[in-house]
Protein backbone atom coordinates (compact mmCIF):
# COMPACT_ATOMS: atom_id res chain seq x y z
CA MET A 1 0.00 0.11 -0.31
CA GLU A 2 2.87 2.56 0.58
CA LEU A 3 3.94 1.81 -2.35
CA LEU A 4 0.93 2.47 -4.45
CA THR A 5 0.55 5.44 -2.60
CA ASN A 6 4.06 6.71 -3.15
CA LEU A 7 3.52 5.87 -7.24
CA ILE A 8 0.45 8.09 -7.10
CA ASN A 9 2.06 10.62 -5.73
CA VAL A 10 4.92 10.75 -8.31
CA ALA A 11 2.53 10.35 -11.16
CA SER A 12 0.18 13.31 -9.54
CA ASN A 13 3.22 16.01 -9.77
CA PHE A 14 4.32 14.81 -12.30
CA LEU A 15 0.98 15.47 -14.88
CA TYR A 16 0.14 18.35 -13.13
CA THR A 17 3.79 20.10 -12.96
CA TYR A 18 4.76 19.47 -16.78
CA PHE A 19 1.57 19.67 -18.30
CA LEU A 20 -1.79 19.93 -16.61
CA VAL A 21 -1.25 23.85 -15.04
CA PHE A 22 -0.65 24.67 -18.16
CA ALA A 23 -3.37 23.12 -20.31
CA LEU A 24 -5.67 24.34 -18.39
CA LEU A 25 -4.87 28.33 -18.01
CA LEU A 26 -3.80 28.47 -21.90
CA CYS A 27 -6.82 25.94 -23.04
CA GLY A 28 -9.35 28.57 -20.92
CA LEU A 29 -7.18 31.98 -22.19
CA TYR A 30 -7.69 30.76 -25.66
CA PHE A 31 -11.47 30.33 -25.76
CA THR A 32 -11.82 33.79 -22.87
CA ILE A 33 -10.18 35.18 -26.34
CA ARG A 34 -11.75 33.57 -28.97
CA THR A 35 -15.44 34.22 -26.96
CA GLY A 36 -14.78 37.95 -26.54
CA PHE A 37 -15.00 37.05 -22.32
CA ILE A 38 -18.47 35.31 -23.15
CA GLN A 39 -18.41 34.37 -19.24
CA LEU A 40 -18.18 37.73 -18.11
CA ARG A 41 -21.00 39.13 -21.24
CA PHE A 42 -23.07 37.02 -21.01
CA LEU A 43 -23.45 36.07 -16.87
CA PRO A 44 -26.49 37.95 -16.52
CA LEU A 45 -28.46 36.31 -18.81
CA ALA A 46 -27.62 33.35 -17.55
CA PHE A 47 -30.28 34.00 -14.47
CA PHE A 48 -32.55 34.76 -17.36
CA VAL A 49 -32.07 30.93 -18.95
CA LEU A 50 -32.53 29.28 -14.94
CA LEU A 51 -35.74 30.63 -15.24
CA GLU A 52 -37.27 28.86 -18.91
CA LYS A 53 -39.95 26.65 -18.28
CA SER A 54 -39.43 22.63 -20.35
CA HIS A 55 -41.78 20.26 -20.48
CA LYS A 56 -42.96 18.27 -17.31
CA GLU A 57 -40.82 14.84 -18.36
CA HIS A 58 -37.79 16.57 -19.61
CA ILE A 59 -34.85 18.03 -16.97
CA SER A 60 -34.94 21.83 -17.43
CA PRO A 61 -31.92 24.05 -16.95
CA PHE A 62 -32.09 24.27 -13.72
CA GLY A 63 -32.26 20.82 -12.74
CA ALA A 64 -29.02 20.50 -15.18
CA LEU A 65 -27.61 22.70 -13.70
CA MET A 66 -28.33 21.06 -9.71
CA ILE A 67 -26.94 17.89 -10.86
CA SER A 68 -23.50 19.63 -12.45
CA THR A 69 -23.38 21.67 -9.30
CA ALA A 70 -24.19 19.17 -7.03
CA SER A 71 -21.42 17.54 -8.43
CA ARG A 72 -19.12 20.70 -8.35
CA VAL A 73 -20.48 21.78 -5.14
CA GLY A 74 -19.27 19.45 -2.67
CA ILE A 75 -16.24 18.09 -0.60
CA GLY A 76 -13.79 20.03 -2.83
CA ASN A 77 -15.81 23.46 -1.54
CA ILE A 78 -14.61 22.96 2.14
CA VAL A 79 -12.24 20.64 2.59
CA GLY A 80 -10.45 20.67 -0.56
CA VAL A 81 -9.81 24.47 -0.15
CA ALA A 82 -8.97 24.10 3.34
CA VAL A 83 -6.37 21.21 2.27
CA ALA A 84 -5.11 23.63 -0.66
CA ILE A 85 -4.71 26.41 2.17
CA SER A 86 -2.72 24.27 4.32
CA SER A 87 -0.63 23.03 2.10
CA GLY A 88 -0.13 25.48 -0.30
CA GLY A 89 -0.66 28.91 1.41
CA ALA A 90 -3.08 31.46 0.57
CA GLY A 91 -2.03 32.11 -2.43
CA ALA A 92 -3.58 29.00 -3.75
CA LEU A 93 -7.10 31.23 -3.31
CA PHE A 94 -6.07 33.92 -6.05
CA TRP A 95 -5.04 30.83 -8.51
CA MET A 96 -8.54 28.59 -7.65
CA TRP A 97 -9.80 32.03 -8.90
CA ILE A 98 -7.93 32.10 -12.30
CA THR A 99 -8.87 28.96 -12.65
CA ALA A 100 -12.37 29.59 -12.58
CA ILE A 101 -12.43 33.34 -14.30
CA LEU A 102 -10.67 31.19 -17.32
CA GLY A 103 -12.65 28.39 -16.82
CA GLY A 104 -15.69 29.48 -17.19
CA ALA A 105 -15.25 30.05 -21.42
CA SER A 106 -14.00 26.27 -21.32
CA ALA A 107 -17.02 25.27 -19.43
CA PHE A 108 -18.90 27.73 -21.70
CA ILE A 109 -17.25 25.57 -24.62
CA GLU A 110 -17.65 21.65 -23.77
CA SER A 111 -21.33 22.40 -22.60
CA THR A 112 -22.48 23.93 -25.36
CA LEU A 113 -20.82 21.26 -27.02
CA ALA A 114 -22.63 18.81 -25.63
CA GLN A 115 -25.94 20.56 -25.90
CA VAL A 116 -25.60 20.48 -29.85
CA TYR A 117 -24.67 16.76 -30.46
CA LYS A 118 -26.71 15.43 -27.48
CA GLN A 119 -29.22 12.10 -28.12
CA LYS A 120 -32.55 10.99 -26.97
CA ASP A 121 -32.68 9.06 -23.88
CA GLY A 122 -35.99 7.31 -24.04
CA GLU A 123 -39.51 8.87 -24.74
CA ASN A 124 -38.77 12.62 -22.79
CA GLY A 125 -34.82 12.78 -21.92
CA TYR A 126 -31.68 13.43 -23.99
CA LYS A 127 -28.21 12.06 -23.37
CA GLY A 128 -24.61 13.55 -24.12
CA GLY A 129 -21.02 14.57 -23.37
CA PRO A 130 -17.48 14.68 -24.56
CA ALA A 131 -17.91 11.12 -25.65
CA TYR A 132 -20.68 11.94 -27.92
CA TYR A 133 -19.30 14.80 -29.40
CA ILE A 134 -16.42 13.08 -29.94
CA GLN A 135 -17.97 10.45 -32.23
CA SER A 136 -20.52 12.91 -33.49
CA ALA A 137 -18.25 15.74 -34.70
CA LEU A 138 -14.35 14.13 -34.71
CA GLY A 139 -15.79 11.05 -36.36
CA SER A 140 -13.99 8.92 -34.21
CA ARG A 141 -15.44 6.47 -31.49
CA ILE A 142 -12.36 4.83 -30.48
CA PHE A 143 -11.69 8.44 -29.07
CA GLY A 144 -14.63 8.69 -27.37
CA ILE A 145 -14.23 5.24 -25.84
CA VAL A 146 -11.07 6.12 -24.08
CA PHE A 147 -12.90 9.71 -22.62
CA ALA A 148 -16.02 7.56 -21.66
CA ILE A 149 -13.26 5.47 -19.69
CA SER A 150 -11.14 8.28 -18.51
CA LEU A 151 -14.30 9.52 -17.03
CA ILE A 152 -15.75 6.21 -15.59
CA LEU A 153 -12.86 5.41 -13.58
CA CYS A 154 -12.73 9.34 -12.64
CA PHE A 155 -15.90 9.49 -10.83
CA THR A 156 -16.90 5.98 -10.38
CA TYR A 157 -13.45 4.73 -8.27
CA GLY A 158 -11.47 8.20 -8.06
CA PHE A 159 -13.76 11.16 -7.00
CA ASN A 160 -16.71 8.84 -5.35
CA GLY A 161 -14.01 6.84 -3.58
CA LEU A 162 -12.79 10.33 -2.36
CA GLN A 163 -16.29 11.63 -1.42
CA ALA A 164 -17.04 9.16 0.97
CA TYR A 165 -13.28 9.03 2.36
CA THR A 166 -14.40 12.78 3.36
CA LEU A 167 -17.26 11.67 4.57
CA THR A 168 -16.68 8.66 6.83
CA SER A 169 -13.80 10.63 8.39
CA SER A 170 -16.13 13.89 9.34
CA PHE A 171 -17.01 11.47 11.99
CA GLU A 172 -13.71 10.52 13.41
CA ILE A 173 -13.68 13.80 15.79
CA PHE A 174 -16.87 12.85 17.15
CA VAL A 175 -15.88 8.79 18.19
CA GLY A 176 -12.27 9.68 18.83
CA SER A 177 -8.84 8.58 16.73
CA GLU A 178 -8.28 5.22 18.91
CA ALA A 179 -11.90 4.23 17.83
CA TYR A 180 -11.81 5.53 14.23
CA ASN A 181 -8.72 3.55 13.07
CA ASN A 182 -9.77 0.67 14.36
CA GLY A 183 -11.73 -0.15 10.90
CA GLN A 184 -15.39 -0.83 12.75
CA THR A 185 -17.00 2.87 12.62
CA THR A 186 -15.63 3.28 8.65
CA MET A 187 -17.28 -0.47 7.85
CA PHE A 188 -20.40 0.75 9.61
CA ILE A 189 -20.38 3.97 7.88
CA GLY A 190 -18.96 2.37 4.95
CA VAL A 191 -21.87 -0.40 4.03
CA LEU A 192 -24.79 2.24 5.73
CA LEU A 193 -23.34 4.62 2.91
CA ALA A 194 -23.45 2.04 0.06
CA ILE A 195 -26.62 0.59 0.71
CA LEU A 196 -27.81 4.43 0.92
CA CYS A 197 -26.29 4.76 -2.89
CA ALA A 198 -27.73 1.79 -4.52
CA VAL A 199 -30.70 2.95 -3.75
CA PHE A 200 -30.00 6.16 -6.46
CA PHE A 201 -27.61 4.27 -8.22
CA PHE A 202 -29.98 1.63 -9.43
CA GLY A 203 -32.83 4.13 -9.52
CA SER A 204 -33.32 6.96 -12.50
CA ASN A 205 -31.73 9.91 -13.68
CA LYS A 206 -34.60 11.41 -13.18
CA SER A 207 -34.82 10.49 -9.23
CA SER A 208 -31.02 11.92 -9.28
CA ALA A 209 -31.84 15.30 -10.85
CA LYS A 210 -34.90 15.93 -8.60
CA ILE A 211 -32.91 15.02 -4.63
CA THR A 212 -30.12 17.04 -6.56
CA SER A 213 -32.39 20.19 -7.29
CA ILE A 214 -34.31 19.96 -3.82
CA LEU A 215 -31.08 19.30 -1.58
CA VAL A 216 -27.64 21.32 -3.58
CA PRO A 217 -29.40 24.88 -3.15
CA ILE A 218 -30.41 24.78 0.90
CA MET A 219 -26.93 22.99 1.08
CA ALA A 220 -25.36 25.93 -0.92
CA PHE A 221 -26.74 28.60 0.34
CA GLY A 222 -26.84 27.36 4.32
CA TYR A 223 -23.24 27.30 3.69
CA LEU A 224 -22.80 30.47 2.20
CA VAL A 225 -24.68 32.16 5.19
CA VAL A 226 -22.93 30.51 7.85
CA SER A 227 -19.44 31.40 6.22
CA LEU A 228 -20.94 35.24 5.69
CA ILE A 229 -21.65 35.28 9.39
CA ILE A 230 -17.85 34.16 10.10
CA VAL A 231 -16.90 36.84 7.85
CA SER A 232 -18.79 39.63 9.97
CA MET A 233 -17.06 38.49 12.45
CA ASN A 234 -13.70 38.81 11.27
CA LEU A 235 -14.26 41.80 8.88
CA GLU A 236 -10.87 43.53 10.44
CA ALA A 237 -9.16 40.49 9.24
CA ILE A 238 -10.53 40.61 5.54
CA PRO A 239 -7.80 43.27 3.96
CA GLY A 240 -5.36 41.72 5.39
CA ILE A 241 -6.14 38.47 4.18
CA PHE A 242 -6.48 39.65 0.80
CA ALA A 243 -3.18 41.50 0.84
CA GLU A 244 -1.65 37.74 2.26
CA VAL A 245 -3.47 35.95 -0.96
CA PHE A 246 -2.02 37.70 -3.43
CA ALA A 247 1.65 38.55 -2.03
CA LYS A 248 1.61 34.74 -1.35
CA ALA A 249 0.13 34.16 -4.96
CA PHE A 250 3.26 35.84 -6.57
CA ASP A 251 6.15 34.12 -3.99
CA PHE A 252 7.96 33.81 -6.71
CA GLU A 253 10.74 32.23 -4.67
CA ALA A 254 8.70 29.48 -3.32
CA ILE A 255 7.80 28.92 -6.42
CA PHE A 256 9.65 27.75 -8.19
CA GLY A 257 12.05 26.57 -5.32
CA GLY A 258 9.41 23.49 -5.71
CA PHE A 259 6.54 24.04 -8.00
CA ALA A 260 4.79 20.46 -7.15
CA GLY A 261 4.13 22.19 -4.08
CA SER A 262 3.23 25.78 -5.16
CA ALA A 263 0.55 28.05 -4.69
CA ILE A 264 -0.18 27.30 -8.20
CA VAL A 265 -0.11 23.98 -8.73
CA ILE A 266 -2.05 22.93 -5.53
CA GLY A 267 -4.25 26.00 -6.26
CA ILE A 268 -4.99 24.73 -9.89
CA LYS A 269 -5.26 21.28 -9.17
CA ARG A 270 -8.40 22.09 -6.04
CA GLY A 271 -10.09 24.67 -8.42
CA LEU A 272 -10.07 22.17 -11.08
CA TYR A 273 -11.45 19.45 -8.60
CA SER A 274 -13.28 21.99 -7.29
CA ASN A 275 -15.23 23.70 -10.72
CA GLU A 276 -14.52 20.86 -12.78
CA ALA A 277 -14.30 23.95 -15.89
CA GLY A 278 -12.64 21.96 -18.90
CA MET A 279 -12.28 18.59 -18.04
CA GLY A 280 -14.91 17.48 -19.42
CA SER A 281 -17.33 16.07 -16.46
CA ALA A 282 -20.62 19.32 -16.31
CA PRO A 283 -21.53 18.46 -20.48
CA ASN A 284 -22.95 15.40 -19.26
CA ALA A 285 -25.40 17.13 -17.01
CA ALA A 286 -25.50 20.02 -19.78
CA ALA A 287 -26.86 18.02 -22.09
CA THR A 288 -29.66 16.20 -20.33
CA ALA A 289 -31.16 19.60 -20.53
CA HIS A 290 -34.48 20.82 -22.59
CA THR A 291 -33.50 24.38 -24.06
CA SER A 292 -33.62 26.19 -27.11
CA HIS A 293 -30.29 26.72 -27.92
CA PRO A 294 -27.44 25.00 -27.02
CA ALA A 295 -25.80 28.16 -26.06
CA LYS A 296 -28.18 29.03 -23.26
CA GLN A 297 -26.97 25.97 -21.34
CA GLY A 298 -23.77 26.91 -21.94
CA MET A 299 -24.32 30.11 -20.27
CA VAL A 300 -25.66 28.23 -17.57
CA GLN A 301 -22.49 26.33 -16.92
CA THR A 302 -20.61 28.98 -16.73
CA LEU A 303 -22.65 30.58 -13.91
CA SER A 304 -22.09 27.27 -11.94
CA VAL A 305 -18.31 27.50 -12.09
CA PHE A 306 -18.60 31.08 -10.87
CA ILE A 307 -20.87 29.95 -8.14
CA ASP A 308 -18.47 27.10 -7.11
CA THR A 309 -15.82 28.34 -6.80
CA LEU A 310 -15.57 32.62 -6.56
CA ILE A 311 -18.55 32.46 -4.27
CA ILE A 312 -18.34 29.58 -2.17
CA CYS A 313 -14.72 28.43 -2.48
CA SER A 314 -14.04 31.93 -1.39
CA ALA A 315 -16.10 32.25 1.45
CA SER A 316 -14.73 28.58 2.54
CA ALA A 317 -10.72 30.02 2.18
CA ILE A 318 -11.41 33.26 4.47
CA VAL A 319 -13.41 31.15 7.04
CA VAL A 320 -9.91 29.16 7.43
CA LEU A 321 -7.55 32.12 7.02
CA CYS A 322 -9.25 34.53 9.53
CA SER A 323 -9.25 31.41 12.17
CA ASN A 324 -6.99 32.39 15.44
CA GLU A 325 -6.64 28.38 15.64
CA ASN A 326 -3.21 26.68 16.00
CA LEU A 327 -3.60 24.95 12.67
CA SER A 328 -0.51 22.92 12.42
CA GLY A 329 -0.25 19.22 11.76
CA VAL A 330 -3.91 18.50 10.88
CA SER A 331 -5.34 18.66 7.50
CA GLY A 332 -8.48 17.17 5.49
CA MET A 333 -11.85 17.44 7.08
CA PRO A 334 -10.66 17.68 11.14
CA LEU A 335 -8.69 20.94 9.64
CA MET A 336 -12.07 22.19 8.75
CA GLN A 337 -13.79 20.87 12.23
CA LYS A 338 -11.69 22.35 14.19
CA VAL A 339 -11.60 25.91 12.19
CA MET A 340 -15.54 26.16 12.45
CA GLN A 341 -15.39 24.90 15.91
CA GLY A 342 -13.12 28.06 16.70
CA HIS A 343 -15.53 30.12 15.14
CA LEU A 344 -19.01 29.16 16.41
CA GLY A 345 -18.07 26.51 19.15
CA ASP A 346 -20.04 23.68 18.69
CA ILE A 347 -22.40 24.70 16.69
CA GLY A 348 -20.05 24.76 13.85
CA LEU A 349 -18.56 21.29 14.29
CA TYR A 350 -21.83 20.08 13.94
CA PHE A 351 -23.45 22.51 11.13
CA VAL A 352 -19.90 21.83 9.00
CA SER A 353 -19.30 18.15 9.76
CA VAL A 354 -23.43 17.62 8.42
CA ALA A 355 -22.81 19.65 5.53
CA ILE A 356 -19.99 17.61 4.45
CA VAL A 357 -22.29 14.05 4.80
CA LEU A 358 -25.12 16.43 2.49
CA PHE A 359 -22.30 17.68 -0.25
CA ALA A 360 -20.71 14.69 -0.56
CA PHE A 361 -23.33 12.13 -1.15
CA THR A 362 -24.99 14.29 -2.80
CA SER A 363 -21.55 14.49 -4.69
CA LEU A 364 -21.90 10.34 -4.97
CA ILE A 365 -25.08 10.67 -6.98
CA GLY A 366 -24.41 13.11 -9.58
CA ASN A 367 -20.85 11.53 -9.92
CA TYR A 368 -22.28 8.19 -10.81
CA PHE A 369 -25.19 10.25 -12.99
CA TYR A 370 -22.15 11.02 -14.88
CA ALA A 371 -20.64 7.90 -14.95
CA GLU A 372 -23.47 6.06 -16.05
CA ILE A 373 -24.18 8.31 -19.19
CA ASN A 374 -20.92 7.34 -20.34
CA PHE A 375 -20.96 3.64 -19.42
CA LYS A 376 -24.27 3.66 -21.76
CA PHE A 377 -21.96 5.26 -24.13
CA ILE A 378 -19.78 2.48 -24.63
CA THR A 379 -22.13 -0.61 -24.40
CA HIS A 380 -26.52 -1.10 -23.71
CA ASN A 381 -25.84 -4.38 -22.35
CA LYS A 382 -28.27 -4.04 -19.19
CA ILE A 383 -26.37 -7.04 -17.68
CA ALA A 384 -22.94 -5.07 -18.17
CA LEU A 385 -25.14 -2.07 -16.77
CA GLN A 386 -26.20 -4.14 -13.57
CA ILE A 387 -22.25 -5.49 -12.42
CA PHE A 388 -20.83 -1.94 -13.40
CA ARG A 389 -23.74 -0.68 -11.02
CA ILE A 390 -22.93 -2.92 -8.33
CA THR A 391 -18.29 -2.11 -8.87
CA ALA A 392 -20.20 1.73 -7.94
CA VAL A 393 -21.94 0.14 -5.01
CA VAL A 394 -18.08 -1.41 -3.82
CA MET A 395 -16.36 1.55 -4.69
CA VAL A 396 -17.92 3.68 -2.33
CA PHE A 397 -17.25 1.20 0.35
CA ILE A 398 -13.20 0.73 -0.39
CA GLY A 399 -13.14 4.51 -0.33
CA ALA A 400 -15.07 4.93 3.08
CA GLN A 401 -11.48 2.84 4.80
CA LEU A 402 -9.06 4.69 2.26
CA SER A 403 -6.14 7.17 4.09
CA LEU A 404 -5.89 10.83 3.27
CA GLY A 405 -3.04 11.15 0.96
CA LEU A 406 -4.19 8.20 -1.03
CA ALA A 407 -7.89 9.73 -1.84
CA TRP A 408 -7.22 13.05 -2.82
CA ASP A 409 -3.45 11.78 -5.04
CA LEU A 410 -5.77 8.86 -6.93
CA ALA A 411 -8.47 11.44 -7.53
CA ASP A 412 -6.34 13.99 -9.04
CA VAL A 413 -4.10 11.28 -11.93
CA ILE A 414 -7.20 10.56 -12.97
CA MET A 415 -9.28 13.67 -12.97
CA GLY A 416 -6.08 14.95 -15.04
CA ILE A 417 -5.79 12.31 -17.28
CA MET A 418 -9.59 12.81 -18.08
CA ALA A 419 -9.13 16.30 -18.27
CA LEU A 420 -6.77 16.28 -20.31
CA VAL A 421 -7.99 14.29 -23.48
CA ASN A 422 -11.33 16.57 -23.47
CA ILE A 423 -8.64 19.44 -23.59
CA ILE A 424 -7.64 18.17 -26.97
CA ALA A 425 -11.56 17.13 -28.37
CA ILE A 426 -12.64 21.08 -27.07
CA LEU A 427 -9.70 23.03 -28.71
CA LEU A 428 -10.23 20.92 -31.98
CA LEU A 429 -13.83 21.38 -31.81
CA GLY A 430 -14.27 24.97 -30.51
CA ASN A 431 -15.34 26.31 -33.50
CA ILE A 432 -18.38 24.72 -34.05
CA ALA A 433 -19.06 26.13 -30.21
CA ILE A 434 -17.90 29.52 -31.30
CA LYS A 435 -20.58 29.19 -34.86
CA VAL A 436 -23.24 28.64 -32.21
CA LEU A 437 -21.93 31.39 -29.87
CA LYS A 438 -22.21 33.64 -33.02
CA ASP A 439 -26.14 32.16 -34.22
CA TYR A 440 -27.30 33.01 -30.64
CA GLU A 441 -25.96 36.49 -30.43
CA LYS A 442 -27.45 37.44 -34.15
CA GLN A 443 -30.90 36.12 -33.38
CA ARG A 444 -30.74 37.77 -29.47
CA LYS A 445 -29.40 41.32 -32.07
CA GLU A 446 -32.48 40.76 -33.98
CA GLY A 447 -35.31 40.91 -30.79
CA LYS A 448 -35.18 37.30 -30.70
CA ASN A 449 -35.39 34.49 -27.70
CA PRO A 450 -32.73 32.60 -30.15
CA VAL A 451 -33.85 29.12 -31.34
CA PHE A 452 -31.17 26.50 -32.68
CA LYS A 453 -31.19 25.11 -35.77
CA ALA A 454 -28.06 22.65 -36.80
CA LYS A 455 -28.35 23.29 -40.77
CA GLU A 456 -28.51 27.17 -41.15
CA VAL A 457 -25.04 27.43 -38.87
CA GLY A 458 -23.58 24.76 -40.84
CA ILE A 459 -23.69 21.82 -38.18
CA LYS A 460 -24.26 18.31 -39.62
CA ASN A 461 -24.28 15.39 -37.44
CA THR A 462 -26.95 16.16 -35.00
CA GLN A 463 -29.87 14.23 -33.52
CA CYS A 464 -31.51 16.66 -32.07
CA TRP A 465 -31.72 20.49 -33.76
């Protein structure tokens, strides 16, 4: 196990230090320029799109936003931020912001492509994502399968293992380290969590959308309110915190002294894990929405990135940075629990523990939702699907038994591979999304509520437009 942990740690550092950091930033910058800062220009319009009604049997733009937000808004916003601050310093928050702002353009491109090339799933449903637009637009089913496999590995076995671990670790502070480490607590929680997840994994996508559309807004709003209360209690510290964030973000001596452990790499790692912009996961949810124009759902997913990182992650970071607790030697979930307890006493401890349990659980559902869509891209064999669902449930149990370092590094490595595959795809297909954006802007200028017709834009191989 120690050898496996070391190998995965080395792979994670190599992948992010030499490839993914630059690929993500350059890709986001490229699409920001090509779209004329679409993530900022059309942000107000995204709120109006959320109010659009869809047929009662379809998943609405708001429902699709909640599915993607269920995966985005979770432990990455709370524990992930705490891990980033404790290991990369305050400057990591700045690079999380950069990842979100530039990544908003990538999120628009990938989600718009997903809408353009979505396919019918039953009588009233849709399915899609990078595997589908790779196959339809690039004409390569093999490349599509490569992405689908990487996403399945990432979300079913990487992210869900991490979610299960973090959820389980939130109970350590209540049962004590000795009782927690003897394995009985993790075994019990792992079994219970696996049973609860099985209900949703073997259920319908519609039920996943319904439960997340109810729980996610309540949880996100509740967590944000509590975080803002803590910030208001520490207003005098805010200017110093922001000064530290910007100073540490450009501490080049520290950066070049150990780039793999610098604020840049850690901030982008945790930013990517939190908002998923450009990595190819959210398009799977974006494709399920019923909307009149693909660009609308692209804008909605950009909004999700901003909600996730610029608002919720920032709130978490400030809560950690204005803490007066001695946090040396503490990491992961125990760190956030200690911080919240320091600010609000036992109420803070219980609140953040419950929040993590609910965030992690809805993320388990959202992550599996993505994985099943991609599994169905590879095969529709019902027996194979049932076996896959069983392995997904088993991984939830296994995740509850993992260690902190192995859980995060395993998720990082598989996430990095998936992101690289998707970045290549959207760079090759970006011009199609740009055409769709221009069509949307043209119709808006004409005073219309944009309705997309693929043939009028010169786009082929679409099933639903």
